[in-house]
Amino acid sequence: MIAYSILFLGIGFLIVAFFNTHKLQSICIVKSVAIHGNQEEVFKMVKYLNNFPKWSPFLAQDPKQQIKITGTDGNIGAKYHWVGNQGKDVGFQVIKQINEPNTIVMECNIQKPFKAKPVFTYTFTPLEQNVQVQQMFHLKSGMVDAFFMWIFGVKKQMENTNEQGLSLLKKAIEE
């Protein structure tokens, strides 16, 4: 009887794990913020990677992070490199597309602590005295990576980090 109960629970866990893992193979997180400022100013804050330390949630979480910018800042192909958490976090983000003053697309190339290539798309919409900044984060992953993301609640952490980044962007512009 105990063996059947354990088997039943194990099968139930596998079904739940498979369902949740399948959902996390493609993650799309959309966050937005209204920033008091003009569209050009807000757009440039995101476009120029040299500004990223002013609103980076990753730098806020790890102030000792080492950064380097390569390429021509503010242009397609410019890269923001980071090494953080005593060498345990390594990667770069590269500007892939600019449609001034409406859209910026950046691709991250995370090398440590895991390998991933999320894409961030920022859109800028002028309002009366504000600019609506929408950040769309998209990540595709395999079943094994998605399983561990489910186990460790990584999607919620990503949502919180993206929200923190937009709050810091707002603060950087409005102060």
N, C-alpha and C. Protein backbone atom coordinates (compact mmCIF):
# COMPACT_ATOMS: atom_id res chain seq x y z
N MET A 1 0.82 -1.20 0.00
CA MET A 1 0.00 0.00 0.00
C MET A 1 0.87 1.27 0.00
N ILE A 2 1.93 1.26 0.83
CA ILE A 2 2.83 2.41 0.89
C ILE A 2 3.55 2.58 -0.44
N ALA A 3 3.95 1.48 -1.04
CA ALA A 3 4.65 1.53 -2.33
C ALA A 3 3.75 2.14 -3.40
N TYR A 4 2.46 1.78 -3.42
CA TYR A 4 1.52 2.35 -4.39
C TYR A 4 1.34 3.85 -4.14
N SER A 5 1.28 4.25 -2.89
CA SER A 5 1.14 5.67 -2.56
C SER A 5 2.35 6.46 -3.05
N ILE A 6 3.54 5.92 -2.81
CA ILE A 6 4.76 6.58 -3.25
C ILE A 6 4.80 6.65 -4.78
N LEU A 7 4.42 5.55 -5.43
CA LEU A 7 4.38 5.51 -6.88
C LEU A 7 3.38 6.53 -7.42
N PHE A 8 2.20 6.59 -6.82
CA PHE A 8 1.16 7.54 -7.23
C PHE A 8 1.65 8.98 -7.07
N LEU A 9 2.27 9.28 -5.92
CA LEU A 9 2.79 10.62 -5.68
C LEU A 9 3.92 10.95 -6.67
N GLY A 10 4.78 9.99 -6.94
CA GLY A 10 5.86 10.19 -7.89
C GLY A 10 5.35 10.49 -9.29
N ILE A 11 4.36 9.73 -9.73
CA ILE A 11 3.76 9.97 -11.05
C ILE A 11 3.08 11.33 -11.07
N GLY A 12 2.38 11.67 -10.00
CA GLY A 12 1.74 12.98 -9.90
C GLY A 12 2.75 14.11 -9.99
N PHE A 13 3.88 13.95 -9.28
CA PHE A 13 4.94 14.95 -9.34
C PHE A 13 5.48 15.09 -10.75
N LEU A 14 5.71 13.98 -11.43
CA LEU A 14 6.24 14.03 -12.80
C LEU A 14 5.28 14.71 -13.76
N ILE A 15 3.99 14.47 -13.58
CA ILE A 15 2.99 15.11 -14.45
C ILE A 15 3.00 16.62 -14.21
N VAL A 16 2.99 17.04 -12.94
CA VAL A 16 3.02 18.47 -12.61
C VAL A 16 4.32 19.10 -13.11
N ALA A 17 5.45 18.39 -12.89
CA ALA A 17 6.75 18.90 -13.33
C ALA A 17 6.79 19.06 -14.85
N PHE A 18 6.29 18.08 -15.58
CA PHE A 18 6.29 18.15 -17.04
C PHE A 18 5.43 19.32 -17.52
N PHE A 19 4.24 19.47 -16.94
CA PHE A 19 3.34 20.56 -17.33
C PHE A 19 3.98 21.93 -17.08
N ASN A 20 4.54 22.12 -15.88
CA ASN A 20 5.15 23.41 -15.54
C ASN A 20 6.44 23.65 -16.32
N THR A 21 7.21 22.61 -16.54
CA THR A 21 8.44 22.74 -17.31
C THR A 21 8.13 23.13 -18.75
N HIS A 22 7.12 22.51 -19.31
CA HIS A 22 6.71 22.83 -20.69
C HIS A 22 6.34 24.30 -20.81
N LYS A 23 5.62 24.84 -19.81
CA LYS A 23 5.22 26.25 -19.83
C LYS A 23 6.43 27.18 -19.77
N LEU A 24 7.50 26.76 -19.10
CA LEU A 24 8.67 27.62 -18.92
C LEU A 24 9.70 27.51 -20.04
N GLN A 25 9.42 26.71 -21.05
CA GLN A 25 10.35 26.63 -22.17
C GLN A 25 10.36 27.92 -22.99
N SER A 26 9.30 28.68 -22.90
CA SER A 26 9.23 29.99 -23.54
C SER A 26 8.62 30.96 -22.53
N ILE A 27 9.45 31.86 -22.03
CA ILE A 27 9.00 32.83 -21.02
C ILE A 27 8.93 34.20 -21.67
N CYS A 28 7.82 34.87 -21.48
CA CYS A 28 7.65 36.24 -21.95
C CYS A 28 7.14 37.05 -20.76
N ILE A 29 7.92 38.05 -20.36
CA ILE A 29 7.55 38.92 -19.25
C ILE A 29 7.44 40.33 -19.80
N VAL A 30 6.30 40.96 -19.60
CA VAL A 30 6.09 42.32 -20.06
C VAL A 30 5.83 43.21 -18.85
N LYS A 31 6.64 44.25 -18.74
CA LYS A 31 6.51 45.23 -17.66
C LYS A 31 6.52 46.61 -18.30
N SER A 32 5.89 47.58 -17.64
CA SER A 32 5.93 48.94 -18.17
C SER A 32 5.91 49.94 -17.03
N VAL A 33 6.34 51.16 -17.37
CA VAL A 33 6.39 52.24 -16.40
C VAL A 33 6.18 53.55 -17.14
N ALA A 34 5.50 54.48 -16.50
CA ALA A 34 5.34 55.84 -17.03
C ALA A 34 6.40 56.71 -16.37
N ILE A 35 7.20 57.37 -17.19
CA ILE A 35 8.30 58.19 -16.70
C ILE A 35 8.05 59.64 -17.08
N HIS A 36 8.15 60.52 -16.08
CA HIS A 36 7.98 61.95 -16.34
C HIS A 36 9.26 62.46 -17.01
N GLY A 37 9.14 62.76 -18.29
CA GLY A 37 10.28 63.23 -19.07
C GLY A 37 9.90 63.21 -20.53
N ASN A 38 10.83 63.66 -21.38
CA ASN A 38 10.52 63.63 -22.81
C ASN A 38 11.06 62.35 -23.43
N GLN A 39 10.50 62.00 -24.57
CA GLN A 39 10.82 60.72 -25.21
C GLN A 39 12.29 60.61 -25.58
N GLU A 40 12.89 61.69 -26.06
CA GLU A 40 14.29 61.64 -26.47
C GLU A 40 15.20 61.34 -25.27
N GLU A 41 14.94 62.00 -24.15
CA GLU A 41 15.75 61.80 -22.95
C GLU A 41 15.64 60.36 -22.44
N VAL A 42 14.43 59.84 -22.39
CA VAL A 42 14.22 58.48 -21.90
C VAL A 42 14.83 57.47 -22.87
N PHE A 43 14.64 57.69 -24.16
CA PHE A 43 15.18 56.79 -25.18
C PHE A 43 16.71 56.71 -25.06
N LYS A 44 17.35 57.87 -24.91
CA LYS A 44 18.82 57.91 -24.82
C LYS A 44 19.32 57.21 -23.55
N MET A 45 18.56 57.29 -22.48
CA MET A 45 18.98 56.62 -21.25
C MET A 45 19.11 55.11 -21.47
N VAL A 46 18.26 54.55 -22.30
CA VAL A 46 18.31 53.11 -22.59
C VAL A 46 19.28 52.82 -23.74
N LYS A 47 19.28 53.66 -24.75
CA LYS A 47 20.10 53.43 -25.95
C LYS A 47 21.60 53.43 -25.65
N TYR A 48 22.05 54.34 -24.81
CA TYR A 48 23.47 54.43 -24.52
C TYR A 48 23.82 53.52 -23.34
N LEU A 49 24.58 52.48 -23.63
CA LEU A 49 24.93 51.48 -22.62
C LEU A 49 25.74 52.09 -21.48
N ASN A 50 26.42 53.18 -21.74
CA ASN A 50 27.15 53.88 -20.70
C ASN A 50 26.22 54.35 -19.58
N ASN A 51 24.93 54.52 -19.88
CA ASN A 51 23.94 54.93 -18.89
C ASN A 51 23.40 53.76 -18.06
N PHE A 52 23.61 52.53 -18.52
CA PHE A 52 22.99 51.38 -17.87
C PHE A 52 23.34 51.26 -16.38
N PRO A 53 24.57 51.58 -15.96
CA PRO A 53 24.85 51.50 -14.52
C PRO A 53 23.94 52.39 -13.66
N LYS A 54 23.36 53.43 -14.25
CA LYS A 54 22.45 54.32 -13.50
C LYS A 54 21.13 53.63 -13.16
N TRP A 55 20.77 52.59 -13.94
CA TRP A 55 19.47 51.95 -13.70
C TRP A 55 19.51 50.42 -13.76
N SER A 56 20.69 49.85 -13.74
CA SER A 56 20.84 48.40 -13.81
C SER A 56 20.42 47.72 -12.51
N PRO A 57 19.43 46.84 -12.55
CA PRO A 57 19.07 46.10 -11.33
C PRO A 57 20.18 45.12 -10.93
N PHE A 58 20.95 44.67 -11.90
CA PHE A 58 22.02 43.72 -11.61
C PHE A 58 23.16 44.40 -10.86
N LEU A 59 23.47 45.63 -11.24
CA LEU A 59 24.50 46.39 -10.54
C LEU A 59 24.00 46.80 -9.15
N ALA A 60 22.72 47.07 -9.03
CA ALA A 60 22.14 47.38 -7.71
C ALA A 60 22.24 46.17 -6.80
N GLN A 61 22.06 44.98 -7.35
CA GLN A 61 22.13 43.75 -6.56
C GLN A 61 23.58 43.33 -6.29
N ASP A 62 24.51 43.73 -7.15
CA ASP A 62 25.92 43.37 -7.01
C ASP A 62 26.77 44.60 -7.37
N PRO A 63 26.93 45.54 -6.42
CA PRO A 63 27.66 46.78 -6.70
C PRO A 63 29.13 46.59 -7.08
N LYS A 64 29.70 45.43 -6.80
CA LYS A 64 31.10 45.16 -7.13
C LYS A 64 31.26 44.60 -8.54
N GLN A 65 30.17 44.49 -9.26
CA GLN A 65 30.20 43.95 -10.61
C GLN A 65 31.14 44.78 -11.49
N GLN A 66 31.96 44.11 -12.28
CA GLN A 66 32.86 44.79 -13.22
C GLN A 66 32.17 44.87 -14.57
N ILE A 67 32.25 46.06 -15.19
CA ILE A 67 31.59 46.26 -16.48
C ILE A 67 32.57 46.85 -17.49
N LYS A 68 32.25 46.62 -18.76
CA LYS A 68 33.05 47.17 -19.85
C LYS A 68 32.12 47.31 -21.05
N ILE A 69 32.26 48.41 -21.77
CA ILE A 69 31.47 48.64 -22.98
C ILE A 69 32.40 48.57 -24.17
N THR A 70 32.00 47.79 -25.18
CA THR A 70 32.78 47.68 -26.41
C THR A 70 31.91 48.09 -27.59
N GLY A 71 32.56 48.43 -28.68
CA GLY A 71 31.82 48.90 -29.85
C GLY A 71 31.51 50.38 -29.68
N THR A 72 30.73 50.92 -30.60
CA THR A 72 30.34 52.33 -30.54
C THR A 72 29.04 52.43 -29.76
N ASP A 73 29.14 53.01 -28.55
CA ASP A 73 27.99 53.09 -27.65
C ASP A 73 26.82 53.79 -28.34
N GLY A 74 25.64 53.23 -28.16
CA GLY A 74 24.43 53.79 -28.74
C GLY A 74 24.16 53.34 -30.16
N ASN A 75 24.98 52.42 -30.66
CA ASN A 75 24.80 51.93 -32.03
C ASN A 75 24.61 50.41 -32.02
N ILE A 76 24.03 49.91 -33.08
CA ILE A 76 23.86 48.47 -33.22
C ILE A 76 25.24 47.80 -33.14
N GLY A 77 25.32 46.75 -32.35
CA GLY A 77 26.57 46.03 -32.17
C GLY A 77 27.33 46.41 -30.90
N ALA A 78 26.97 47.53 -30.26
CA ALA A 78 27.62 47.92 -29.01
C ALA A 78 27.29 46.87 -27.95
N LYS A 79 28.27 46.57 -27.09
CA LYS A 79 28.08 45.53 -26.08
C LYS A 79 28.39 46.06 -24.69
N TYR A 80 27.60 45.60 -23.75
CA TYR A 80 27.80 45.88 -22.32
C TYR A 80 28.18 44.55 -21.68
N HIS A 81 29.45 44.43 -21.28
CA HIS A 81 29.96 43.19 -20.69
C HIS A 81 29.92 43.30 -19.17
N TRP A 82 29.67 42.19 -18.49
CA TRP A 82 29.72 42.19 -17.04
C TRP A 82 30.37 40.92 -16.51
N VAL A 83 31.01 41.09 -15.34
CA VAL A 83 31.52 39.97 -14.55
C VAL A 83 31.14 40.33 -13.12
N GLY A 84 30.34 39.49 -12.51
CA GLY A 84 29.86 39.78 -11.17
C GLY A 84 29.89 38.58 -10.27
N ASN A 85 29.47 38.80 -9.04
CA ASN A 85 29.38 37.73 -8.05
C ASN A 85 30.68 36.94 -7.98
N GLN A 86 31.79 37.69 -7.93
CA GLN A 86 33.14 37.11 -7.83
C GLN A 86 33.43 36.13 -8.98
N GLY A 87 33.02 36.52 -10.18
CA GLY A 87 33.30 35.72 -11.37
C GLY A 87 32.27 34.64 -11.67
N LYS A 88 31.23 34.55 -10.85
CA LYS A 88 30.21 33.51 -11.05
C LYS A 88 29.13 33.94 -12.04
N ASP A 89 29.01 35.26 -12.28
CA ASP A 89 28.05 35.79 -13.26
C ASP A 89 28.85 36.45 -14.38
N VAL A 90 28.71 35.95 -15.60
CA VAL A 90 29.47 36.48 -16.73
C VAL A 90 28.56 36.54 -17.95
N GLY A 91 28.69 37.61 -18.70
CA GLY A 91 27.93 37.72 -19.94
C GLY A 91 28.04 39.09 -20.55
N PHE A 92 27.22 39.32 -21.57
CA PHE A 92 27.14 40.64 -22.20
C PHE A 92 25.77 40.79 -22.83
N GLN A 93 25.41 42.05 -23.05
CA GLN A 93 24.21 42.33 -23.83
C GLN A 93 24.64 43.18 -25.02
N VAL A 94 24.00 42.97 -26.13
CA VAL A 94 24.37 43.66 -27.37
C VAL A 94 23.12 44.32 -27.95
N ILE A 95 23.31 45.53 -28.46
CA ILE A 95 22.20 46.22 -29.14
C ILE A 95 22.02 45.58 -30.51
N LYS A 96 20.83 45.06 -30.75
CA LYS A 96 20.55 44.36 -32.01
C LYS A 96 19.74 45.22 -32.99
N GLN A 97 18.92 46.13 -32.45
CA GLN A 97 18.05 46.91 -33.32
C GLN A 97 17.72 48.23 -32.64
N ILE A 98 17.72 49.31 -33.43
CA ILE A 98 17.31 50.63 -32.94
C ILE A 98 16.36 51.22 -33.95
N ASN A 99 15.19 51.61 -33.50
CA ASN A 99 14.22 52.32 -34.33
C ASN A 99 13.90 53.61 -33.56
N GLU A 100 14.78 54.60 -33.73
CA GLU A 100 14.70 55.83 -32.94
C GLU A 100 13.47 56.63 -33.30
N PRO A 101 12.72 57.11 -32.38
CA PRO A 101 12.82 57.05 -30.91
C PRO A 101 11.82 56.07 -30.30
N ASN A 102 11.50 54.99 -31.00
CA ASN A 102 10.40 54.12 -30.57
C ASN A 102 10.79 52.77 -30.00
N THR A 103 11.87 52.16 -30.50
CA THR A 103 12.17 50.78 -30.12
C THR A 103 13.68 50.53 -30.03
N ILE A 104 14.05 49.74 -29.03
CA ILE A 104 15.42 49.24 -28.91
C ILE A 104 15.31 47.75 -28.58
N VAL A 105 16.08 46.93 -29.29
CA VAL A 105 16.11 45.50 -29.02
C VAL A 105 17.54 45.13 -28.61
N MET A 106 17.66 44.46 -27.47
CA MET A 106 18.96 44.00 -26.98
C MET A 106 18.88 42.50 -26.71
N GLU A 107 19.96 41.82 -27.07
CA GLU A 107 20.06 40.39 -26.77
C GLU A 107 21.14 40.20 -25.72
N CYS A 108 20.83 39.46 -24.68
CA CYS A 108 21.82 39.11 -23.67
C CYS A 108 22.44 37.78 -24.04
N ASN A 109 23.70 37.66 -23.72
CA ASN A 109 24.39 36.39 -23.89
C ASN A 109 24.96 36.04 -22.52
N ILE A 110 24.20 35.30 -21.75
CA ILE A 110 24.61 34.91 -20.40
C ILE A 110 25.46 33.65 -20.52
N GLN A 111 26.67 33.71 -19.95
CA GLN A 111 27.59 32.58 -20.03
C GLN A 111 27.69 31.83 -18.70
N LYS A 112 27.55 32.55 -17.58
CA LYS A 112 27.56 31.96 -16.24
C LYS A 112 26.51 32.67 -15.41
N PRO A 113 25.84 32.06 -14.52
CA PRO A 113 25.99 30.71 -13.99
C PRO A 113 25.32 29.65 -14.86
N PHE A 114 24.65 30.06 -15.91
CA PHE A 114 24.02 29.15 -16.86
C PHE A 114 24.10 29.83 -18.22
N LYS A 115 23.81 29.11 -19.27
CA LYS A 115 23.84 29.70 -20.61
C LYS A 115 22.41 30.01 -21.04
N ALA A 116 22.24 31.25 -21.49
CA ALA A 116 20.92 31.67 -21.96
C ALA A 116 21.09 32.89 -22.86
N LYS A 117 20.10 33.11 -23.72
CA LYS A 117 20.11 34.27 -24.62
C LYS A 117 18.75 34.96 -24.62
N PRO A 118 18.41 35.60 -23.49
CA PRO A 118 17.14 36.33 -23.48
C PRO A 118 17.23 37.59 -24.36
N VAL A 119 16.08 38.03 -24.83
CA VAL A 119 15.97 39.23 -25.64
C VAL A 119 15.08 40.23 -24.91
N PHE A 120 15.56 41.48 -24.85
CA PHE A 120 14.80 42.58 -24.26
C PHE A 120 14.39 43.51 -25.38
N THR A 121 13.09 43.80 -25.47
CA THR A 121 12.58 44.78 -26.42
C THR A 121 11.96 45.92 -25.63
N TYR A 122 12.48 47.12 -25.84
CA TYR A 122 11.97 48.31 -25.18
C TYR A 122 11.19 49.14 -26.19
N THR A 123 9.98 49.53 -25.83
CA THR A 123 9.21 50.44 -26.68
C THR A 123 8.91 51.69 -25.86
N PHE A 124 8.91 52.84 -26.55
CA PHE A 124 8.75 54.14 -25.93
C PHE A 124 7.56 54.83 -26.58
N THR A 125 6.55 55.14 -25.76
CA THR A 125 5.34 55.78 -26.27
C THR A 125 5.12 57.08 -25.52
N PRO A 126 5.11 58.22 -26.25
CA PRO A 126 4.89 59.49 -25.57
C PRO A 126 3.44 59.61 -25.10
N LEU A 127 3.28 60.11 -23.88
CA LEU A 127 1.98 60.44 -23.33
C LEU A 127 1.98 61.96 -23.13
N GLU A 128 1.02 62.51 -22.41
CA GLU A 128 0.96 63.96 -22.26
C GLU A 128 2.25 64.55 -21.71
N GLN A 129 2.63 64.17 -20.51
CA GLN A 129 3.86 64.69 -19.91
C GLN A 129 4.79 63.55 -19.49
N ASN A 130 4.48 62.37 -19.95
CA ASN A 130 5.25 61.19 -19.59
C ASN A 130 5.62 60.40 -20.84
N VAL A 131 6.47 59.44 -20.62
CA VAL A 131 6.79 58.47 -21.66
C VAL A 131 6.51 57.09 -21.08
N GLN A 132 5.72 56.32 -21.77
CA GLN A 132 5.43 54.95 -21.36
C GLN A 132 6.55 54.07 -21.91
N VAL A 133 7.29 53.43 -21.01
CA VAL A 133 8.35 52.51 -21.42
C VAL A 133 7.85 51.10 -21.15
N GLN A 134 7.82 50.30 -22.19
CA GLN A 134 7.43 48.90 -22.04
C GLN A 134 8.65 48.03 -22.31
N GLN A 135 8.90 47.12 -21.40
CA GLN A 135 10.01 46.19 -21.55
C GLN A 135 9.42 44.79 -21.74
N MET A 136 9.75 44.16 -22.87
CA MET A 136 9.33 42.79 -23.09
C MET A 136 10.57 41.91 -23.04
N PHE A 137 10.54 40.95 -22.14
CA PHE A 137 11.65 40.01 -21.93
C PHE A 137 11.20 38.68 -22.50
N HIS A 138 12.02 38.09 -23.36
CA HIS A 138 11.65 36.80 -23.94
C HIS A 138 12.83 35.85 -23.83
N LEU A 139 12.57 34.65 -23.31
CA LEU A 139 13.62 33.64 -23.13
C LEU A 139 13.08 32.28 -23.56
N LYS A 140 13.84 31.62 -24.41
CA LYS A 140 13.53 30.24 -24.79
C LYS A 140 14.57 29.34 -24.15
N SER A 141 14.14 28.19 -23.67
CA SER A 141 15.07 27.26 -23.03
C SER A 141 14.64 25.82 -23.28
N GLY A 142 15.55 24.92 -23.01
CA GLY A 142 15.27 23.50 -23.15
C GLY A 142 14.54 22.96 -21.93
N MET A 143 14.12 21.71 -22.02
CA MET A 143 13.35 21.09 -20.93
C MET A 143 14.14 21.03 -19.62
N VAL A 144 15.41 20.69 -19.66
CA VAL A 144 16.20 20.55 -18.44
C VAL A 144 16.34 21.91 -17.75
N ASP A 145 16.71 22.95 -18.53
CA ASP A 145 16.82 24.29 -17.95
C ASP A 145 15.47 24.76 -17.41
N ALA A 146 14.41 24.51 -18.15
CA ALA A 146 13.07 24.92 -17.72
C ALA A 146 12.68 24.20 -16.43
N PHE A 147 13.07 22.94 -16.29
CA PHE A 147 12.77 22.19 -15.06
C PHE A 147 13.42 22.87 -13.86
N PHE A 148 14.70 23.22 -13.99
CA PHE A 148 15.39 23.86 -12.87
C PHE A 148 14.85 25.26 -12.62
N MET A 149 14.43 25.96 -13.67
CA MET A 149 13.82 27.28 -13.46
C MET A 149 12.52 27.13 -12.66
N TRP A 150 11.77 26.06 -12.94
CA TRP A 150 10.53 25.81 -12.20
C TRP A 150 10.83 25.47 -10.74
N ILE A 151 11.79 24.58 -10.53
CA ILE A 151 12.14 24.15 -9.17
C ILE A 151 12.57 25.34 -8.31
N PHE A 152 13.38 26.24 -8.90
CA PHE A 152 13.94 27.36 -8.13
C PHE A 152 13.14 28.66 -8.25
N GLY A 153 11.99 28.63 -8.91
CA GLY A 153 11.15 29.82 -9.00
C GLY A 153 11.80 30.98 -9.73
N VAL A 154 12.54 30.67 -10.78
CA VAL A 154 13.32 31.68 -11.49
C VAL A 154 12.44 32.70 -12.21
N LYS A 155 11.29 32.31 -12.72
CA LYS A 155 10.44 33.26 -13.44
C LYS A 155 10.04 34.41 -12.53
N LYS A 156 9.67 34.14 -11.31
CA LYS A 156 9.28 35.19 -10.37
C LYS A 156 10.47 36.10 -10.08
N GLN A 157 11.66 35.53 -9.95
CA GLN A 157 12.87 36.33 -9.75
C GLN A 157 13.11 37.24 -10.95
N MET A 158 12.90 36.71 -12.16
CA MET A 158 13.07 37.51 -13.37
C MET A 158 12.07 38.66 -13.40
N GLU A 159 10.82 38.37 -13.05
CA GLU A 159 9.80 39.41 -13.02
C GLU A 159 10.19 40.52 -12.05
N ASN A 160 10.66 40.14 -10.85
CA ASN A 160 11.05 41.13 -9.85
C ASN A 160 12.24 41.96 -10.32
N THR A 161 13.22 41.32 -10.94
CA THR A 161 14.40 42.02 -11.43
C THR A 161 14.03 42.99 -12.55
N ASN A 162 13.17 42.57 -13.47
CA ASN A 162 12.75 43.46 -14.56
C ASN A 162 11.98 44.65 -14.03
N GLU A 163 11.12 44.42 -13.05
CA GLU A 163 10.37 45.51 -12.43
C GLU A 163 11.31 46.48 -11.71
N GLN A 164 12.31 45.93 -11.02
CA GLN A 164 13.30 46.76 -10.33
C GLN A 164 14.05 47.63 -11.35
N GLY A 165 14.43 47.06 -12.48
CA GLY A 165 15.14 47.81 -13.50
C GLY A 165 14.33 48.99 -14.01
N LEU A 166 13.04 48.78 -14.26
CA LEU A 166 12.20 49.88 -14.74
C LEU A 166 12.01 50.94 -13.66
N SER A 167 11.92 50.53 -12.41
CA SER A 167 11.82 51.51 -11.31
C SER A 167 13.09 52.35 -11.22
N LEU A 168 14.24 51.69 -11.39
CA LEU A 168 15.51 52.43 -11.36
C LEU A 168 15.66 53.34 -12.57
N LEU A 169 15.13 52.93 -13.74
CA LEU A 169 15.14 53.78 -14.92
C LEU A 169 14.32 55.04 -14.66
N LYS A 170 13.16 54.85 -14.09
CA LYS A 170 12.28 55.99 -13.75
C LYS A 170 12.99 56.95 -12.79
N LYS A 171 13.61 56.38 -11.77
CA LYS A 171 14.33 57.18 -10.78
C LYS A 171 15.49 57.94 -11.42
N ALA A 172 16.24 57.28 -12.31
CA ALA A 172 17.39 57.90 -12.97
C ALA A 172 16.97 59.09 -13.82
N ILE A 173 15.81 59.02 -14.45
CA ILE A 173 15.33 60.11 -15.30
C ILE A 173 14.71 61.22 -14.46
N GLU A 174 13.92 60.87 -13.49
CA GLU A 174 13.13 61.87 -12.75
C GLU A 174 13.92 62.59 -11.66
N GLU A 175 15.07 62.08 -11.27
CA GLU A 175 15.84 62.77 -10.22
C GLU A 175 16.89 63.68 -10.78
